Protein backbone atom coordinates (compact mmCIF):
# COMPACT_ATOMS: atom_id res chain seq x y z
CA MET A 1 -48.01 -4.70 78.43
CA ALA A 2 -45.38 -5.96 75.99
CA SER A 3 -48.20 -8.93 74.76
CA GLY A 4 -50.06 -5.62 74.20
CA LYS A 5 -47.41 -3.97 72.44
CA LYS A 6 -46.60 -7.72 70.69
CA ALA A 7 -50.55 -7.29 69.60
CA LEU A 8 -50.74 -3.19 68.43
CA PHE A 9 -47.14 -4.63 65.85
CA ALA A 10 -49.20 -7.75 64.33
CA THR A 11 -52.50 -6.16 63.75
CA VAL A 12 -50.28 -2.41 61.66
CA MET A 13 -48.97 -5.39 59.90
CA ALA A 14 -51.50 -7.33 58.65
CA ALA A 15 -53.17 -4.11 57.61
CA SER A 16 -50.30 -2.86 55.36
CA VAL A 17 -50.12 -6.14 53.74
CA ALA A 18 -53.64 -6.16 53.59
CA GLY A 19 -53.76 -2.50 51.52
CA MET A 20 -50.21 -2.37 49.53
CA PRO A 21 -51.95 -3.78 46.21
CA HIS A 22 -53.14 0.26 46.45
CA MET A 23 -49.82 2.20 48.42
CA LEU A 24 -47.05 0.63 45.62
CA PRO A 25 -45.58 2.87 43.38
CA ALA A 26 -45.78 2.96 39.92
CA PRO A 27 -43.94 -0.35 37.71
CA ALA A 28 -40.70 -0.34 36.72
CA TYR A 29 -40.18 0.63 33.47
CA ALA A 30 -38.19 -0.78 31.24
CA ASP A 31 -35.73 1.96 31.16
CA ASP A 32 -35.55 1.78 34.60
CA TYR A 33 -33.73 -1.63 34.77
CA ALA A 34 -32.16 -0.49 31.78
CA ASP A 35 -30.23 2.39 33.57
CA LEU A 36 -29.38 0.06 37.20
CA LEU A 37 -27.45 -2.55 34.36
CA ASP A 38 -25.97 0.26 32.63
CA VAL A 39 -24.14 1.84 36.24
CA LEU A 40 -23.42 -1.81 36.86
CA ARG A 41 -21.75 -2.15 33.72
CA ALA A 42 -20.17 0.75 33.86
CA LYS A 43 -19.26 -0.39 37.86
CA GLY A 44 -17.43 -3.71 36.38
CA SER A 45 -19.97 -5.96 38.72
CA LEU A 46 -20.59 -6.91 34.84
CA THR A 47 -19.31 -7.96 31.65
CA ARG A 48 -20.57 -7.09 28.32
CA HIS A 49 -22.26 -10.61 28.05
CA GLU A 50 -23.76 -11.33 30.45
CA TYR A 51 -25.43 -7.06 30.06
CA ASP A 52 -26.53 -8.06 27.07
CA THR A 53 -28.23 -11.63 28.19
CA LEU A 54 -30.03 -9.77 30.95
CA LEU A 55 -31.52 -6.63 29.67
CA ALA A 56 -32.80 -8.90 26.35
CA LYS A 57 -34.05 -11.61 29.48
CA HIS A 58 -35.61 -8.03 31.01
CA VAL A 59 -36.88 -6.89 28.25
CA HIS A 60 -39.05 -9.74 26.87
CA HIS A 61 -39.95 -10.91 30.53
CA ALA A 62 -41.66 -6.86 30.64
CA ALA A 63 -43.37 -7.92 27.20
CA GLN A 64 -44.81 -11.10 28.23
CA VAL A 65 -46.54 -9.43 31.19
CA ALA A 66 -47.73 -6.45 29.50
CA GLU A 67 -49.38 -8.04 27.13
CA PRO A 68 -52.45 -10.74 28.91
CA ARG A 69 -52.74 -7.43 30.71
CA ALA A 70 -53.43 -4.92 28.00
CA GLY A 71 -57.09 -6.17 27.66
CA ARG A 72 -58.67 -6.79 30.67
CA PRO A 73 -59.66 -3.55 33.32
CA THR A 74 -57.48 -2.49 35.81
CA HIS A 75 -58.18 -2.24 39.96
CA VAL A 76 -54.97 -0.47 40.33
CA ALA A 77 -54.77 3.71 41.21
CA SER A 78 -54.76 5.66 37.76
CA SER A 79 -51.30 6.72 37.70
CA GLY A 80 -50.39 2.46 38.03
CA ALA A 81 -52.63 2.49 35.30
CA ARG A 82 -50.87 5.21 33.55
CA SER A 83 -47.33 3.72 34.38
CA GLY A 84 -48.08 -0.18 33.48
CA SER A 85 -49.63 1.75 30.28
CA ALA A 86 -46.61 2.93 29.24
CA HIS A 87 -44.05 -0.22 30.64
CA ILE A 88 -46.58 -2.11 28.33
CA ALA A 89 -46.17 0.36 25.08
CA HIS A 90 -42.22 0.89 25.91
CA GLY A 91 -41.67 -3.32 25.79
CA ALA A 92 -44.12 -3.47 22.40
CA GLU A 93 -41.13 -1.19 20.82
CA SER A 94 -38.65 -2.21 22.08
CA GLY A 95 -35.75 -4.45 19.68
CA TYR A 96 -33.20 -6.24 21.13
CA GLU A 97 -29.83 -8.28 18.83
CA PRO A 98 -27.80 -9.71 20.99
CA GLY A 99 -25.22 -7.38 21.75
CA ILE A 100 -26.94 -3.95 20.44
CA ARG A 101 -30.28 -2.09 22.40
CA PHE A 102 -32.20 -0.12 20.05
CA ASP A 103 -34.74 1.85 23.17
CA ALA A 104 -37.61 2.82 20.59
CA GLY A 105 -39.26 4.92 23.99
CA ALA A 106 -35.81 6.37 24.68
CA SER A 107 -35.96 10.37 24.41
CA GLU A 108 -33.77 12.45 21.88
CA GLY A 109 -31.29 13.64 25.51
CA ASP A 110 -31.59 9.87 26.49
CA ALA A 111 -30.19 8.78 23.66
CA SER A 112 -27.33 11.45 22.74
CA MET A 113 -25.45 10.49 26.34
CA ARG A 114 -26.25 6.89 26.14
CA ALA A 115 -24.54 7.60 22.25
CA GLU A 116 -22.03 9.70 23.67
CA ASP A 117 -20.97 6.59 26.22
CA ALA A 118 -20.92 4.02 24.03
CA ALA A 119 -18.48 6.09 21.84
CA THR A 120 -16.68 6.65 25.09
CA ARG A 121 -16.65 2.82 26.02
CA ALA A 122 -15.02 2.33 22.25
CA GLU A 123 -12.35 5.17 22.58
CA ALA A 124 -11.67 3.59 25.91
CA SER A 125 -11.68 -0.51 24.19
CA ALA A 126 -9.56 0.87 21.52
CA ARG A 127 -7.03 2.70 23.63
CA SER A 128 -6.20 -0.19 25.47
CA ALA A 129 -6.26 -3.03 22.65
CA GLN A 130 -3.52 -0.51 21.15
CA ALA A 131 -1.52 -0.27 25.17
CA ALA A 132 -1.70 -3.73 24.99
CA ALA A 133 -0.31 -4.57 21.03
CA ALA A 134 2.61 -1.93 22.13
CA ALA A 135 3.12 -3.78 25.17
CA LEU A 136 3.42 -7.07 23.61
CA ASN A 137 5.73 -5.45 20.73
CA SER A 138 8.31 -3.75 23.19
CA GLY A 139 10.14 -6.78 23.91
CA GLU A 140 8.63 -6.95 28.11
CA PHE A 141 6.40 -9.74 27.22
CA VAL A 142 7.32 -13.79 25.56
CA ARG A 143 5.02 -15.42 24.00
CA VAL A 144 5.17 -18.91 22.47
CA ALA A 145 4.11 -18.99 18.41
CA LYS A 146 1.25 -21.92 17.66
CA TYR A 147 3.36 -25.68 17.18
CA VAL A 148 3.71 -26.39 13.66
CA PRO A 149 5.50 -29.83 14.11
CA GLY A 150 8.90 -30.13 12.27
CA LYS A 151 9.09 -26.50 12.19
CA GLY A 152 10.55 -25.98 15.90
CA LEU A 153 8.96 -23.90 18.58
CA THR A 154 9.08 -20.01 17.49
CA PHE A 155 9.30 -17.56 20.58
CA LYS A 156 8.31 -13.80 19.45
CA ALA A 157 9.97 -10.92 21.88
CA GLY A 158 8.18 -7.75 20.83
CA PRO A 159 9.49 -8.18 16.68
CA ILE A 160 12.03 -10.57 16.76
CA ASN A 161 10.75 -14.13 16.09
CA ILE A 162 13.52 -17.10 17.88
CA ASN A 163 13.10 -20.36 16.59
CA LEU A 164 14.54 -23.69 18.05
CA SER A 165 14.70 -26.84 15.86
CA GLY A 166 16.86 -29.66 15.16
CA PHE A 167 17.10 -33.90 15.14
CA VAL A 168 18.38 -36.28 17.02
CA ASN A 169 19.43 -39.61 15.89
CA GLY A 170 20.89 -43.13 16.82
CA PHE A 171 22.09 -46.22 14.39
CA TYR A 172 23.15 -49.42 15.42
CA SER A 173 25.26 -50.72 12.20
CA TYR A 174 26.04 -53.92 11.32
CA ASN A 175 28.72 -54.29 8.21
CA SER A 176 29.32 -57.39 6.76
CA PRO A 177 32.97 -57.69 4.73
CA ALA A 178 32.05 -59.53 1.36
CA GLY A 179 35.84 -59.42 0.64
CA GLY A 180 38.34 -58.38 -2.57
CA ARG A 181 41.16 -56.57 -2.96
CA PRO A 182 41.44 -52.41 -1.32
CA VAL A 183 40.20 -49.74 -4.23
CA ALA A 184 42.57 -45.96 -3.07
CA GLY A 185 39.52 -44.26 -2.51
CA GLY A 186 36.45 -46.32 -2.54
CA VAL A 187 34.27 -45.82 -0.11
CA SER A 188 33.36 -49.61 0.36
CA SER A 189 35.29 -51.82 3.34
CA GLY A 190 35.07 -55.05 1.80
CA SER A 191 38.37 -55.65 1.61
CA SER A 192 38.66 -55.05 5.81
CA GLY A 193 38.41 -59.01 6.16
CA PHE A 194 35.85 -57.85 9.66
CA ASP A 195 32.36 -57.65 10.72
CA SER A 196 31.82 -54.57 12.88
CA SER A 197 28.71 -53.87 14.84
CA ALA A 198 28.90 -49.88 15.46
CA VAL A 199 25.98 -47.85 17.36
CA ARG A 200 26.31 -44.53 15.64
CA ASN A 201 25.25 -41.50 13.62
CA GLY A 202 23.25 -41.99 10.67
CA LEU A 203 24.01 -39.36 7.45
CA LEU A 204 23.14 -36.83 10.01
CA PRO A 205 24.43 -36.07 13.61
CA ALA A 206 22.30 -34.60 15.35
CA GLY A 207 21.64 -31.06 14.40
CA PHE A 208 20.36 -28.25 16.82
CA ILE A 209 19.49 -24.68 15.05
CA LEU A 210 19.15 -21.73 16.53
CA LYS A 211 17.32 -18.61 14.07
CA MET A 212 16.40 -15.26 14.51
CA ASP A 213 14.73 -12.86 12.01
CA THR A 214 12.73 -9.63 11.92
CA VAL A 215 11.56 -7.29 10.25
CA GLN A 216 13.30 -3.43 10.29
CA GLN A 217 12.11 -0.99 7.43
CA GLY A 218 10.74 -2.93 5.41
CA MET A 219 13.80 -5.57 5.10
CA ASP A 220 13.76 -9.60 6.67
CA ILE A 221 16.41 -10.31 7.89
CA SER A 222 17.65 -13.26 9.45
CA ALA A 223 20.34 -15.08 11.38
CA VAL A 224 21.22 -18.39 12.06
CA LEU A 225 23.86 -20.94 13.64
CA GLY A 226 23.75 -24.13 13.53
CA MET A 227 24.88 -27.20 15.51
CA TYR A 228 25.87 -30.53 14.72
CA PRO A 229 27.61 -32.72 17.32
CA GLY A 230 28.15 -36.61 16.69
CA LEU A 231 27.35 -39.19 19.03
CA ASP A 232 30.91 -41.40 18.46
CA ASN A 233 34.36 -40.34 19.40
CA ALA A 234 36.21 -37.88 17.37
CA LYS A 235 39.93 -38.09 15.71
CA PRO A 236 39.93 -34.85 13.99
CA SER A 237 42.79 -35.10 11.25
CA ALA A 238 41.94 -33.66 7.44
CA PHE A 239 38.24 -34.24 7.70
CA ASN A 240 38.30 -32.63 11.37
CA ALA A 241 34.36 -33.61 13.67
CA ASN A 242 33.61 -35.61 9.47
CA SER A 243 37.15 -37.55 10.27
CA GLY A 244 36.86 -41.66 11.15
CA GLY A 245 36.84 -41.94 15.07
CA SER A 246 38.37 -43.12 17.85
CA PRO A 247 36.48 -45.74 19.77
CA VAL A 248 39.00 -45.74 22.86
CA GLY A 249 37.69 -44.82 26.21
CA LEU A 250 37.66 -40.68 27.40
CA GLY A 251 37.06 -39.31 23.95
CA THR A 252 34.51 -37.11 22.96
CA ALA A 253 32.15 -36.54 20.64
CA GLY A 254 32.85 -33.96 17.67
CA ILE A 255 31.24 -30.38 17.13
CA ASP A 256 30.47 -29.67 13.16
CA LEU A 257 29.48 -25.66 13.62
CA ARG A 258 28.22 -25.89 10.11
CA GLN A 259 25.93 -22.70 9.52
CA VAL A 260 26.63 -19.74 10.41
CA TYR A 261 25.45 -16.89 8.61
CA MET A 262 23.31 -14.05 7.99
CA THR A 263 20.46 -13.18 5.42
CA PHE A 264 18.62 -10.01 4.03
CA GLY A 265 16.22 -8.88 1.67
CA ASN A 266 12.75 -9.51 1.06
CA LYS A 267 9.67 -11.43 -1.60
CA ASP A 268 10.28 -8.07 -4.01
CA ILE A 269 14.15 -8.12 -4.46
CA GLY A 270 14.85 -11.58 -3.41
CA THR A 271 16.94 -12.19 -0.54
CA PHE A 272 21.42 -11.98 0.29
CA LYS A 273 23.20 -14.61 2.56
CA ILE A 274 26.59 -14.29 4.18
CA GLY A 275 28.30 -16.54 6.16
CA ARG A 276 28.46 -20.73 6.10
CA ASP A 277 26.05 -22.94 4.51
CA LEU A 278 25.23 -25.74 2.85
CA ALA A 279 26.62 -24.63 -1.00
CA LEU A 280 24.11 -25.05 -4.07
CA PHE A 281 26.11 -26.82 -6.76
CA ALA A 282 24.52 -30.59 -5.93
CA SER A 283 22.46 -29.12 -2.35
CA ASP A 284 19.39 -31.04 -4.50
CA ALA A 285 21.18 -34.15 -4.89
CA ILE A 286 21.53 -34.41 -0.90
CA MET A 287 18.11 -32.96 0.17
CA ASN A 288 15.68 -35.45 -2.21
CA ASP A 289 17.96 -38.67 -0.83
CA ALA A 290 16.34 -41.03 0.83
CA THR A 291 19.46 -41.68 3.05
CA LEU A 292 19.33 -38.26 4.71
CA LEU A 293 17.46 -39.66 7.08
CA SER A 294 19.51 -43.18 7.46
CA VAL A 295 23.23 -44.84 6.86
CA GLY A 296 23.20 -45.77 3.73
CA SER A 297 26.64 -47.09 3.00
CA THR A 298 29.12 -46.72 6.73
CA GLY A 299 32.35 -45.09 5.78
CA SER A 300 33.93 -46.52 8.29
CA ASN A 301 31.89 -48.28 10.70
CA SER A 302 34.38 -50.18 13.11
CA ALA A 303 35.55 -46.47 13.79
CA PRO A 304 32.47 -44.22 13.28
CA GLY A 305 32.74 -40.51 13.24
CA ASN A 306 30.06 -37.54 12.71
CA THR A 307 28.12 -39.43 9.87
CA SER A 308 27.86 -42.64 7.88
CA LEU A 309 28.15 -41.41 3.95
CA GLY A 310 24.48 -41.83 3.37
CA ARG A 311 24.37 -41.68 -1.14
CA ILE A 312 27.40 -39.59 -0.73
CA GLY A 313 30.07 -40.97 -3.62
CA VAL A 314 27.81 -43.69 -4.62
CA GLY A 315 25.59 -41.18 -6.96
CA TYR A 316 26.23 -37.26 -6.44
CA VAL A 317 28.96 -35.45 -4.82
CA TYR A 318 29.12 -33.96 -1.17
CA ALA A 319 27.70 -30.34 -2.34
CA ASP A 320 29.79 -29.26 1.68
CA TRP A 321 28.76 -26.18 3.77
CA ILE A 322 31.06 -23.27 2.77
CA PRO A 323 32.04 -19.56 3.88
CA GLN A 324 29.83 -17.86 0.17
CA ILE A 325 28.36 -14.95 -0.50
CA SER A 326 25.34 -15.42 -2.59
CA TYR A 327 22.41 -14.01 -3.58
CA THR A 328 18.83 -16.11 -4.59
CA SER A 329 16.29 -13.96 -6.70
CA PRO A 330 12.20 -13.48 -5.63
CA LYS A 331 10.30 -16.51 -7.16
CA VAL A 332 8.58 -15.90 -10.16
CA GLY A 333 5.82 -18.13 -11.84
CA GLY A 334 7.30 -21.46 -10.35
CA PHE A 335 11.37 -20.33 -11.00
CA GLN A 336 13.59 -19.13 -8.81
CA GLY A 337 17.47 -18.65 -9.10
CA SER A 338 20.49 -18.53 -6.88
CA VAL A 339 24.16 -17.56 -7.37
CA GLY A 340 27.17 -17.01 -5.49
CA ILE A 341 30.84 -16.96 -4.33
CA PHE A 342 32.11 -19.38 -2.09
CA GLN A 343 35.19 -20.04 -0.90
CA PRO A 344 37.41 -22.09 -3.35
CA LEU A 345 38.76 -25.46 -1.75
CA ASP A 346 41.77 -26.94 -2.33
CA GLU A 347 42.32 -30.02 -4.70
CA PHE A 348 42.90 -33.14 -2.65
CA GLY A 349 44.47 -36.56 -3.07
CA TYR A 350 42.21 -38.66 -1.40
CA ALA A 351 43.60 -41.30 -3.21
CA ASP A 352 46.35 -40.52 -1.82
CA ALA A 353 45.35 -40.49 2.18
CA THR A 354 43.09 -43.79 1.84
CA ASN A 355 45.92 -45.93 0.16
CA PRO A 356 46.81 -48.81 2.75
CA ASP A 357 49.50 -49.31 0.44
CA SER A 358 52.85 -45.87 1.73
CA THR A 359 54.95 -47.25 -1.56
CA ALA A 360 52.66 -47.07 -4.00
CA SER A 361 52.81 -43.69 -6.34
CA HIS A 362 50.95 -40.98 -5.26
CA PHE A 363 47.33 -40.46 -7.35
CA SER A 364 46.72 -37.23 -7.13
CA ALA A 365 47.75 -33.65 -7.34
CA GLY A 366 47.51 -30.62 -5.02
CA SER A 367 47.16 -27.07 -4.37
CA SER A 368 46.30 -24.10 -1.50
CA GLN A 369 47.02 -20.83 -3.32
CA HIS A 370 43.53 -19.46 -5.02
CA SER A 371 43.32 -15.92 -6.34
CA SER A 372 39.68 -16.10 -7.29
CA PRO A 373 36.92 -17.38 -5.53
CA MET A 374 34.89 -20.39 -6.41
CA VAL A 375 31.15 -19.83 -8.64
CA GLN A 376 28.18 -21.19 -8.24
CA GLY A 377 24.51 -21.50 -9.43
CA ARG A 378 21.26 -22.63 -9.58
CA ALA A 379 18.00 -22.84 -10.62
CA VAL A 380 14.75 -24.36 -9.91
CA TYR A 381 11.50 -24.18 -11.18
CA ASP A 382 8.46 -25.93 -9.73
CA PHE A 383 5.07 -27.44 -11.56
CA SER A 384 1.55 -29.05 -11.42
CA LEU A 385 0.59 -31.09 -14.10
CA SER A 386 -2.64 -32.45 -12.63
CA ASP A 387 -2.64 -34.26 -9.84
CA LEU A 388 1.58 -34.61 -10.71
CA LYS A 389 3.93 -32.33 -8.78
CA VAL A 390 7.54 -31.80 -10.43
CA HIS A 391 10.68 -30.01 -8.75
CA ILE A 392 13.25 -29.70 -11.45
CA TRP A 393 16.55 -28.26 -10.11
CA ALA A 394 20.09 -27.28 -12.58
CA SER A 395 23.59 -26.12 -10.68
CA PHE A 396 27.25 -25.81 -11.97
CA LEU A 397 30.73 -24.80 -10.16
CA ILE A 398 33.61 -22.95 -11.68
CA GLN A 399 36.47 -22.75 -9.93
CA HIS A 400 39.90 -21.74 -10.70
CA MET A 401 42.83 -24.15 -9.80
CA GLN A 402 46.46 -23.29 -9.60
CA ALA A 403 49.42 -23.32 -8.33
CA LEU A 404 49.31 -27.14 -8.38
CA THR A 405 51.81 -29.78 -6.97
CA SER A 406 53.04 -33.01 -6.82
CA GLN A 407 55.64 -35.88 -7.56
CA THR A 408 55.21 -35.21 -11.13
CA ILE A 409 55.13 -31.38 -11.47
CA SER A 410 58.00 -29.13 -10.58
CA ALA A 411 58.00 -26.52 -8.21
CA ASN A 412 58.46 -24.04 -10.60
CA GLN A 413 56.25 -24.87 -13.01
CA HIS A 414 53.16 -23.55 -11.87
CA VAL A 415 50.45 -25.16 -13.31
CA SER A 416 46.96 -24.63 -13.30
CA THR A 417 43.37 -25.54 -14.48
CA MET A 418 39.98 -25.04 -14.33
CA VAL A 419 37.26 -26.53 -13.24
CA GLU A 420 33.65 -26.62 -14.23
CA ALA A 421 31.11 -28.84 -13.31
CA GLY A 422 27.09 -29.04 -13.62
CA ASP A 423 24.41 -31.56 -12.67
CA ILE A 424 20.69 -32.06 -13.45
CA GLY A 425 17.67 -33.35 -11.47
CA THR A 426 13.94 -34.11 -10.60
CA LYS A 427 11.25 -35.45 -8.48
CA LEU A 428 8.56 -35.79 -9.08
CA THR A 429 5.47 -36.87 -6.44
CA TYR A 430 1.71 -38.41 -7.48
CA GLY A 431 -0.41 -39.57 -5.07
CA PRO A 432 1.36 -42.29 -2.69
CA PHE A 433 4.14 -42.18 -4.75
CA GLU A 434 7.59 -40.56 -5.26
CA GLY A 435 10.64 -40.85 -7.45
CA VAL A 436 13.98 -38.98 -8.01
CA ALA A 437 16.06 -38.91 -10.82
CA TYR A 438 19.32 -37.50 -10.69
CA TYR A 439 22.87 -36.82 -13.06
CA TYR A 440 26.26 -35.09 -12.43
CA ARG A 441 29.77 -34.55 -14.70
CA GLY A 442 32.81 -32.54 -14.40
CA SER A 443 35.89 -32.07 -15.26
CA GLY A 444 37.91 -31.92 -12.52
CA LEU A 445 35.72 -32.25 -9.72
CA GLY A 446 36.46 -35.78 -8.82
CA THR A 447 34.33 -37.84 -6.99
CA THR A 448 33.01 -38.46 -3.20
CA GLY A 449 34.09 -34.69 -2.03
CA LEU A 450 34.71 -31.97 -3.67
CA PHE A 451 38.22 -31.71 -5.67
CA PHE A 452 39.04 -35.50 -3.84
CA ASP A 453 41.12 -36.56 -6.69
CA GLY A 454 39.76 -34.28 -9.66
CA VAL A 455 43.02 -33.55 -10.95
CA ALA A 456 45.87 -35.91 -12.24
CA ASP A 457 49.35 -36.41 -10.88
CA ASN A 458 50.50 -35.07 -14.35
CA GLY A 459 48.33 -31.44 -13.56
CA ARG A 460 45.12 -32.83 -15.73
CA LYS A 461 42.16 -33.72 -14.91
CA ARG A 462 39.83 -35.93 -14.59
CA THR A 463 35.92 -36.38 -15.49
CA SER A 464 33.62 -37.58 -13.45
CA GLU A 465 30.04 -37.99 -13.48
CA GLY A 466 27.29 -39.90 -11.41
CA TYR A 467 24.10 -40.50 -11.01
CA TYR A 468 20.97 -41.96 -8.86
CA VAL A 469 17.39 -42.75 -9.15
CA GLN A 470 14.63 -43.19 -6.16
CA ALA A 471 11.80 -44.95 -6.01
CA ALA A 472 9.37 -43.88 -2.70
CA TYR A 473 5.84 -45.45 -2.06
CA HIS A 474 3.93 -44.31 1.26
CA ALA A 475 2.30 -47.95 2.36
CA THR A 476 -0.11 -46.05 4.61
CA LYS A 477 0.32 -42.66 6.49
CA LYS A 478 1.95 -43.90 8.23
CA LEU A 479 5.19 -46.08 6.82
CA LYS A 480 6.73 -45.86 4.02
CA ILE A 481 9.20 -47.73 1.98
CA VAL A 482 12.15 -46.79 -0.14
CA GLY A 483 14.63 -48.49 -2.78
CA SER A 484 17.41 -46.63 -4.43
CA TYR A 485 20.51 -47.79 -6.51
CA GLY A 486 23.31 -44.64 -7.44
CA VAL A 487 26.59 -44.60 -9.27
CA SER A 488 29.86 -42.30 -9.35
CA ASN A 489 32.99 -42.57 -11.53
CA LEU A 490 35.92 -41.30 -12.31
CA TYR A 491 37.73 -41.75 -15.51
CA LEU A 492 41.79 -41.22 -16.01
CA ALA A 493 42.87 -38.04 -17.37
CA SER A 494 44.97 -38.20 -20.37
CA GLY A 495 48.41 -39.77 -20.39
CA GLU A 496 48.10 -41.46 -16.65
CA ASN A 497 46.39 -44.67 -18.81
CA MET A 498 49.86 -46.16 -17.38
CA LEU A 499 49.56 -45.65 -13.83
CA ALA A 500 46.23 -48.90 -14.12
CA GLU A 501 49.11 -51.48 -15.42
CA GLN A 502 52.30 -50.73 -12.55
CA GLY A 503 51.32 -54.15 -10.63
CA SER A 504 50.53 -52.08 -7.11
CA ASP A 505 48.29 -53.90 -5.24
CA VAL A 506 46.18 -51.40 -5.12
CA GLY A 507 44.58 -48.67 -7.79
CA LEU A 508 42.98 -45.85 -8.05
CA VAL A 509 39.37 -46.01 -8.23
CA ARG A 510 37.45 -45.75 -11.08
CA ARG A 511 33.37 -46.92 -9.90
CA ASN A 512 32.11 -47.07 -6.21
CA GLN A 513 27.87 -47.94 -6.56
CA SER A 514 24.92 -48.89 -3.95
CA GLU A 515 22.23 -50.10 -3.67
CA VAL A 516 19.55 -49.53 -1.08
CA GLY A 517 15.97 -50.82 0.40
CA ALA A 518 14.63 -48.96 3.01
CA ALA A 519 11.70 -48.88 5.53
CA TYR A 520 10.06 -45.75 7.49
CA TYR A 521 7.68 -45.67 10.21
CA GLN A 522 6.43 -42.37 11.16
CA MET A 523 5.74 -43.40 15.43
CA THR A 524 4.06 -39.56 15.94
CA ASP A 525 5.13 -35.74 14.89
CA TRP A 526 8.34 -36.46 16.52
CA LEU A 527 9.28 -39.67 15.97
CA THR A 528 10.53 -42.03 13.28
CA VAL A 529 11.62 -45.60 13.26
CA ILE A 530 13.76 -46.53 10.46
CA GLY A 531 14.83 -50.04 9.37
CA GLU A 532 17.34 -49.79 6.03
CA TYR A 533 20.04 -52.73 4.76
CA ALA A 534 22.73 -51.11 1.85
CA HIS A 535 25.35 -52.93 -0.54
CA THR A 536 28.28 -50.70 -1.60
CA SER A 537 30.90 -51.64 -4.07
CA SER A 538 34.02 -50.25 -5.48
CA ALA A 539 36.22 -50.96 -8.24
CA ALA A 540 39.35 -50.06 -8.92
CA HIS A 541 41.30 -49.13 -12.33
CA GLY A 542 43.63 -52.02 -12.47
CA GLY A 543 40.35 -54.33 -11.90
CA ASN A 544 40.94 -54.45 -7.96
CA LYS A 545 37.00 -54.87 -6.15
CA GLU A 546 35.36 -55.02 -2.89
CA SER A 547 32.26 -55.15 -1.38
CA ASP A 548 30.15 -55.23 1.51
CA ASN A 549 26.82 -55.68 3.50
CA THR A 550 24.67 -53.30 6.05
CA ALA A 551 21.59 -53.28 8.26
CA SER A 552 20.56 -51.07 10.53
CA GLY A 553 17.96 -49.82 12.29
CA GLY A 554 17.85 -46.94 14.50
CA VAL A 555 14.98 -44.08 15.52
CA MET A 556 15.08 -39.97 14.28
CA LEU A 557 13.71 -37.45 16.06
CA MET A 558 12.90 -34.40 14.07
CA PHE A 559 10.91 -30.85 15.94
């Protein structure tokens, strides 16, 4: 019985298979397949790319199948023939491009429904994009902007950009005094008599700068905090973290919070700055100085402080980081100007502070009273002549020095004076070559630091001037060779010529100068290896001279 059922089942199956060509339903139209794809796409089973690809393949295959059948007679049922013809016509008339479907055979109703569906999907996609953008700008998401070497890391928290940048450096410096006699206010260590080794910072300490900026009501607003720690132990005195160091056990490094300021403005009205930052006068001189990334003159190498001197005092006066309210104009045709009021600084007797002979007469007057601010201004102009790029700058400084005091000036004399200074410089870039030339002159400005020994003990201003020239050649994309020479001169004030003839073992500085040669090799976007030689000399009014030689090697990391 079971075997009989099996035979019957086999017979029915065979008959069914044999008759299938005459029993099959009409071939599916391209629209039927497209509808299936539309359903899968709506359910999220297919991506847009998958949907377009499958649809295009189906239409192409349908056209290929229909084409050879169009010219031969068919033996299928009449309804199947009619369906096949419609299929062929539909495949031949339909055209597709990636992501777009043109259905020439669709009815007006079908086309309207599909257009409405497409519009609905587009509207939903737009709403999703708007919601995603709103979420990103809400501050609930933190993004990381594309990294640019040397520009730090930038995080975007909604409408706020948070940038962290900085640098770290370390050098081994060997200083060899060449002899001579002490010079009060000199920057050479030649008269110390002892060679010294130090692992130290260069002209820059380490730096970690945090900047936050945003746009509110069309105004660009930012806040900056810059922390500059040194490697060596600090020994706070008149110059705080920048004083000579203290290489003894249990010491700690100095932290120099040079930058604390905010800015607001835009490209149309300019930018206002309030806080502590690099001043305007002589700022271009130090920013274009190659020793900014190396050591230059060491200052004190046996007890290093936060920084070396670089070319400070041997080519320019240090611009310094000063509390200020300043304004920078928009840039127009390559020209830009800045002006501001600054915290007034005291007149300071640097020669007296560094004089090893405490019995000698005082060289300079001092002051500590200020009824008006210091005023500084700066103008820059950038342009190109064919392949030559030119950067020109000029700046000025004015400050009223009041209530000057000294051994010569009595307390009831109320002596005051007006300090003025100006500078000019240029940087030229032509292919692999760079050149810098700079000159400054001041009346009461002093030398090395602002208002260091600018006014004589008799209350009269000293004239000072200086310059430096620098040439650089990029031998390869990674290797740069630099040479520079600089001088700072301090002249005696009227009526103090006799001070240089008193026969003291120590005389006031007349001239500081240095020659520097360095090589900078950029290993990576972050690391630069530096080798440098510097010769520094100082000369005094009265004949004293001293000089020293320094060899330094180290690495600068900037991110």
